[in-house]
Amino acid sequence: MARFSRIHVFNVMEHTGMVPLFYHKELEVAKEVLLACYKGGARVLEFTNRGDYALEIFRELNKFAEEAMPQMILGVGSITDAGAASHYMQLGANFIVTPVLREDIAIACNRRKVLWSPGCGSLSEIARAEEMGCELVKLFPGGTYGPGFVSGIKGPQPWTSVMPTGGVSPTEENLKGWFAAGVTCVGMGSKLITKEILERHDYDGLESKVRECLSLIKEIRK
């Protein structure tokens, strides 16, 4: 079962402003990435449900997080049905992120009071997600819509909390655009945890990159 309440998860996402996301088939690499992000200041991380045996990797990774990083909130992304969501929640997933809006996933997560963030691409989808209890909407793919879309929906729905994923990079120009538009936080994958970092096992470099990105977000918000 989840160690953190959905309200706490949302508050930490909002406070830090960034959710790193990644998948790796090798457990030891996944542990090193998680630890580097934690040392860099990240307190939320999304493990994406990709590849065979991802469930088994997550199970061990979440145990590791609980033992070595008690403040790290580990959740799962790329969930496409309630069955997968339930399996991951049984293994302690603290939040569920989906590429699409699905009512069955909302019901499964709400039953356990676990935060869920559905991928939405229209104001109607966003409104429907919020009617089903969504606290944080995932704008996906973020690069397709851009900050202008966020600005547009915040007009009629200023209460909506948005997390763009895809099209987000750790540069001042990119992050300024998103946060000026009114996003609550950003999801960042391969632009943060790059292929080169993984190939070189440059975990110290990743730690520095995460720290710099969080510092940049903090400065932009001022």
Protein backbone atom coordinates (compact mmCIF):
# COMPACT_ATOMS: atom_id res chain seq x y z
CA MET A 1 0.00 0.00 0.00
CA ALA A 2 1.09 3.59 -0.61
CA ARG A 3 3.26 5.13 2.11
CA PHE A 4 2.18 8.67 1.26
CA SER A 5 -1.30 10.19 1.00
CA ARG A 6 -2.38 11.60 -2.34
CA ILE A 7 -2.55 15.11 -0.86
CA HIS A 8 1.04 14.81 0.39
CA VAL A 9 2.15 13.52 -3.02
CA PHE A 10 0.49 16.45 -4.77
CA ASN A 11 2.00 18.96 -2.33
CA VAL A 12 5.51 17.60 -2.87
CA MET A 13 5.06 17.67 -6.66
CA GLU A 14 3.91 21.28 -6.42
CA HIS A 15 6.69 22.26 -4.02
CA THR A 16 9.60 20.76 -5.96
CA GLY A 17 8.13 21.56 -9.39
CA MET A 18 9.61 18.54 -11.16
CA VAL A 19 8.93 14.82 -11.51
CA PRO A 20 11.80 12.89 -13.13
CA LEU A 21 10.63 9.84 -15.05
CA PHE A 22 12.51 6.89 -16.44
CA TYR A 23 12.58 3.15 -17.07
CA HIS A 24 15.47 0.74 -17.12
CA LYS A 25 15.38 -3.02 -17.35
CA GLU A 26 18.37 -3.50 -15.04
CA LEU A 27 17.56 -3.16 -11.35
CA GLU A 28 21.01 -1.96 -10.28
CA VAL A 29 20.96 0.82 -12.86
CA ALA A 30 17.45 1.80 -11.74
CA LYS A 31 18.64 1.97 -8.14
CA GLU A 32 21.57 4.21 -9.06
CA VAL A 33 19.34 6.55 -11.05
CA LEU A 34 16.83 6.77 -8.21
CA LEU A 35 19.56 7.47 -5.68
CA ALA A 36 21.20 10.13 -7.87
CA CYS A 37 17.87 11.92 -8.29
CA TYR A 38 17.28 11.76 -4.55
CA LYS A 39 20.74 13.13 -3.75
CA GLY A 40 20.10 15.89 -6.27
CA GLY A 41 17.01 16.99 -4.36
CA ALA A 42 14.17 15.22 -6.18
CA ARG A 43 11.54 13.83 -3.84
CA VAL A 44 9.18 12.38 -6.43
CA LEU A 45 10.01 9.99 -9.27
CA GLU A 46 7.89 8.21 -11.86
CA PHE A 47 9.03 4.75 -12.93
CA THR A 48 7.50 4.16 -16.34
CA ASN A 49 5.77 0.84 -17.00
CA ARG A 50 7.69 -0.17 -20.12
CA GLY A 51 9.38 -3.38 -21.05
CA ASP A 52 8.96 -6.93 -19.85
CA TYR A 53 9.12 -7.53 -16.09
CA ALA A 54 8.81 -3.83 -15.26
CA LEU A 55 6.58 -4.83 -12.37
CA GLU A 56 9.37 -6.91 -10.85
CA ILE A 57 11.88 -4.09 -11.20
CA PHE A 58 9.47 -1.68 -9.51
CA ARG A 59 8.85 -4.05 -6.62
CA GLU A 60 12.53 -4.16 -5.72
CA LEU A 61 13.07 -0.48 -6.48
CA ASN A 62 10.28 0.57 -4.13
CA LYS A 63 11.70 -1.60 -1.35
CA PHE A 64 15.06 0.07 -1.92
CA ALA A 65 13.47 3.53 -1.79
CA GLU A 66 11.70 2.75 1.47
CA GLU A 67 14.92 1.52 3.10
CA ALA A 68 17.48 3.97 1.72
CA MET A 69 15.43 7.08 0.81
CA PRO A 70 12.52 7.41 3.25
CA GLN A 71 11.36 10.73 1.77
CA MET A 72 11.36 9.56 -1.86
CA ILE A 73 7.87 9.22 -3.33
CA LEU A 74 7.95 6.55 -6.02
CA GLY A 75 5.07 6.16 -8.47
CA VAL A 76 4.41 4.55 -11.83
CA GLY A 77 3.65 5.93 -15.29
CA SER A 78 2.47 4.58 -18.66
CA ILE A 79 -0.39 2.69 -16.99
CA THR A 80 -3.16 1.87 -19.45
CA ASP A 81 -5.68 -0.22 -17.49
CA ALA A 82 -7.03 -0.71 -13.97
CA GLY A 83 -5.46 -4.15 -13.64
CA ALA A 84 -1.95 -2.80 -14.07
CA ALA A 85 -2.72 0.09 -11.71
CA SER A 86 -3.94 -2.34 -9.05
CA HIS A 87 -0.85 -4.54 -9.38
CA TYR A 88 1.47 -1.58 -8.89
CA MET A 89 -0.55 -0.19 -5.99
CA GLN A 90 -0.28 -3.58 -4.28
CA LEU A 91 3.48 -3.12 -4.53
CA GLY A 92 3.28 0.30 -2.89
CA ALA A 93 3.04 2.73 -5.83
CA ASN A 94 2.35 6.16 -4.37
CA PHE A 95 0.82 7.60 -7.53
CA ILE A 96 -0.32 6.43 -10.95
CA VAL A 97 0.22 8.33 -14.20
CA THR A 98 -1.57 7.39 -17.42
CA PRO A 99 -1.14 8.46 -21.06
CA VAL A 100 -4.94 8.67 -21.50
CA LEU A 101 -8.07 9.37 -19.45
CA ARG A 102 -9.66 6.11 -18.27
CA GLU A 103 -12.48 5.89 -15.77
CA ASP A 104 -11.54 2.36 -14.66
CA ILE A 105 -8.13 3.59 -13.51
CA ALA A 106 -9.71 6.54 -11.71
CA ILE A 107 -12.05 4.20 -9.81
CA ALA A 108 -9.23 1.82 -8.84
CA CYS A 109 -7.00 4.65 -7.58
CA ASN A 110 -9.78 6.56 -5.83
CA ARG A 111 -10.79 3.41 -3.98
CA ARG A 112 -7.31 3.27 -2.47
CA LYS A 113 -7.00 7.07 -2.18
CA VAL A 114 -3.93 7.06 -4.43
CA LEU A 115 -3.18 10.11 -6.59
CA TRP A 116 -3.70 9.50 -10.30
CA SER A 117 -2.74 11.83 -13.12
CA PRO A 118 -4.36 11.14 -16.51
CA GLY A 119 -3.01 12.26 -19.86
CA CYS A 120 -5.45 14.82 -21.28
CA GLY A 121 -5.43 16.84 -24.48
CA SER A 122 -8.60 18.93 -24.38
CA LEU A 123 -10.51 21.10 -21.94
CA SER A 124 -13.37 18.60 -22.01
CA GLU A 125 -11.05 15.75 -21.00
CA ILE A 126 -9.54 17.88 -18.25
CA ALA A 127 -12.97 18.82 -16.90
CA ARG A 128 -14.07 15.18 -16.94
CA ALA A 129 -10.88 14.11 -15.12
CA GLU A 130 -11.50 16.71 -12.43
CA GLU A 131 -15.10 15.57 -12.08
CA MET A 132 -13.70 12.11 -11.32
CA GLY A 133 -11.46 13.50 -8.58
CA CYS A 134 -8.21 14.25 -10.41
CA GLU A 135 -5.89 16.65 -8.55
CA LEU A 136 -3.20 16.96 -11.22
CA VAL A 137 -3.75 16.66 -14.97
CA LYS A 138 -0.95 15.38 -17.16
CA LEU A 139 -0.72 17.35 -20.40
CA PHE A 140 0.55 14.81 -22.90
CA PRO A 141 2.34 15.05 -25.20
CA GLY A 142 3.29 18.43 -23.79
CA GLY A 143 5.44 19.44 -26.75
CA THR A 144 2.48 19.09 -29.10
CA TYR A 145 0.37 21.56 -27.12
CA GLY A 146 2.96 23.91 -25.63
CA PRO A 147 2.71 26.54 -22.88
CA GLY A 148 0.09 28.45 -24.85
CA PHE A 149 -2.39 25.64 -24.32
CA VAL A 150 -1.85 25.82 -20.56
CA SER A 151 -2.37 29.59 -20.57
CA GLY A 152 -5.56 29.10 -22.55
CA ILE A 153 -7.16 26.59 -20.19
CA LYS A 154 -6.12 28.49 -17.05
CA GLY A 155 -8.38 31.34 -18.18
CA PRO A 156 -11.73 29.56 -17.78
CA GLN A 157 -10.33 27.04 -15.25
CA PRO A 158 -7.77 28.78 -13.01
CA TRP A 159 -8.13 25.98 -10.45
CA THR A 160 -6.73 23.35 -12.82
CA SER A 161 -3.30 21.93 -11.92
CA VAL A 162 -1.24 20.84 -14.92
CA MET A 163 1.90 18.74 -15.33
CA PRO A 164 3.23 18.72 -18.92
CA THR A 165 5.23 15.66 -19.90
CA GLY A 166 7.04 15.41 -23.22
CA GLY A 167 8.50 18.55 -24.72
CA VAL A 168 10.02 19.61 -21.39
CA SER A 169 13.78 20.15 -21.16
CA PRO A 170 16.09 21.40 -18.37
CA THR A 171 16.80 24.77 -19.98
CA GLU A 172 15.89 28.18 -18.63
CA GLU A 173 13.99 29.16 -21.78
CA ASN A 174 11.87 26.00 -21.84
CA LEU A 175 11.08 25.96 -18.13
CA LYS A 176 10.29 29.69 -18.05
CA GLY A 177 7.72 29.17 -20.77
CA TRP A 178 5.94 26.39 -18.88
CA PHE A 179 5.93 28.00 -15.45
CA ALA A 180 4.96 31.41 -16.82
CA ALA A 181 1.97 29.67 -18.39
CA GLY A 182 0.91 28.40 -14.97
CA VAL A 183 1.95 24.74 -14.70
CA THR A 184 2.10 23.18 -11.24
CA CYS A 185 5.11 21.02 -12.05
CA VAL A 186 6.78 19.39 -15.04
CA GLY A 187 7.53 15.77 -15.88
CA MET A 188 10.96 15.27 -17.41
CA GLY A 189 12.37 12.08 -18.88
CA SER A 190 15.09 11.57 -21.47
CA LYS A 191 16.11 15.23 -21.56
CA LEU A 192 17.07 14.94 -17.90
CA ILE A 193 18.07 11.28 -17.54
CA THR A 194 19.79 11.08 -20.89
CA LYS A 195 20.92 8.06 -22.84
CA GLU A 196 24.51 9.26 -22.49
CA ILE A 197 24.25 9.43 -18.69
CA LEU A 198 22.94 5.88 -18.58
CA GLU A 199 25.55 4.56 -20.99
CA ARG A 200 28.41 6.15 -19.05
CA HIS A 201 26.86 5.36 -15.65
CA ASP A 202 27.46 9.01 -14.84
CA TYR A 203 25.35 9.12 -11.71
CA ASP A 204 27.31 12.00 -10.20
CA GLY A 205 26.56 13.96 -13.35
CA LEU A 206 22.88 13.10 -13.05
CA GLU A 207 22.83 14.21 -9.42
CA SER A 208 24.31 17.58 -10.43
CA LYS A 209 21.88 17.93 -13.32
CA VAL A 210 18.86 17.27 -11.11
CA ARG A 211 20.12 19.75 -8.50
CA GLU A 212 20.71 22.43 -11.14
CA CYS A 213 17.27 21.89 -12.68
CA LEU A 214 15.47 22.13 -9.33
CA SER A 215 17.43 25.27 -8.49
CA LEU A 216 16.51 26.77 -11.85
CA ILE A 217 12.83 26.03 -11.28
CA LYS A 218 13.00 27.64 -7.85
CA GLU A 219 14.62 30.75 -9.32
CA ILE A 220 12.09 30.98 -12.16
CA ARG A 221 9.20 30.80 -9.72
CA LYS A 222 10.51 33.81 -7.82
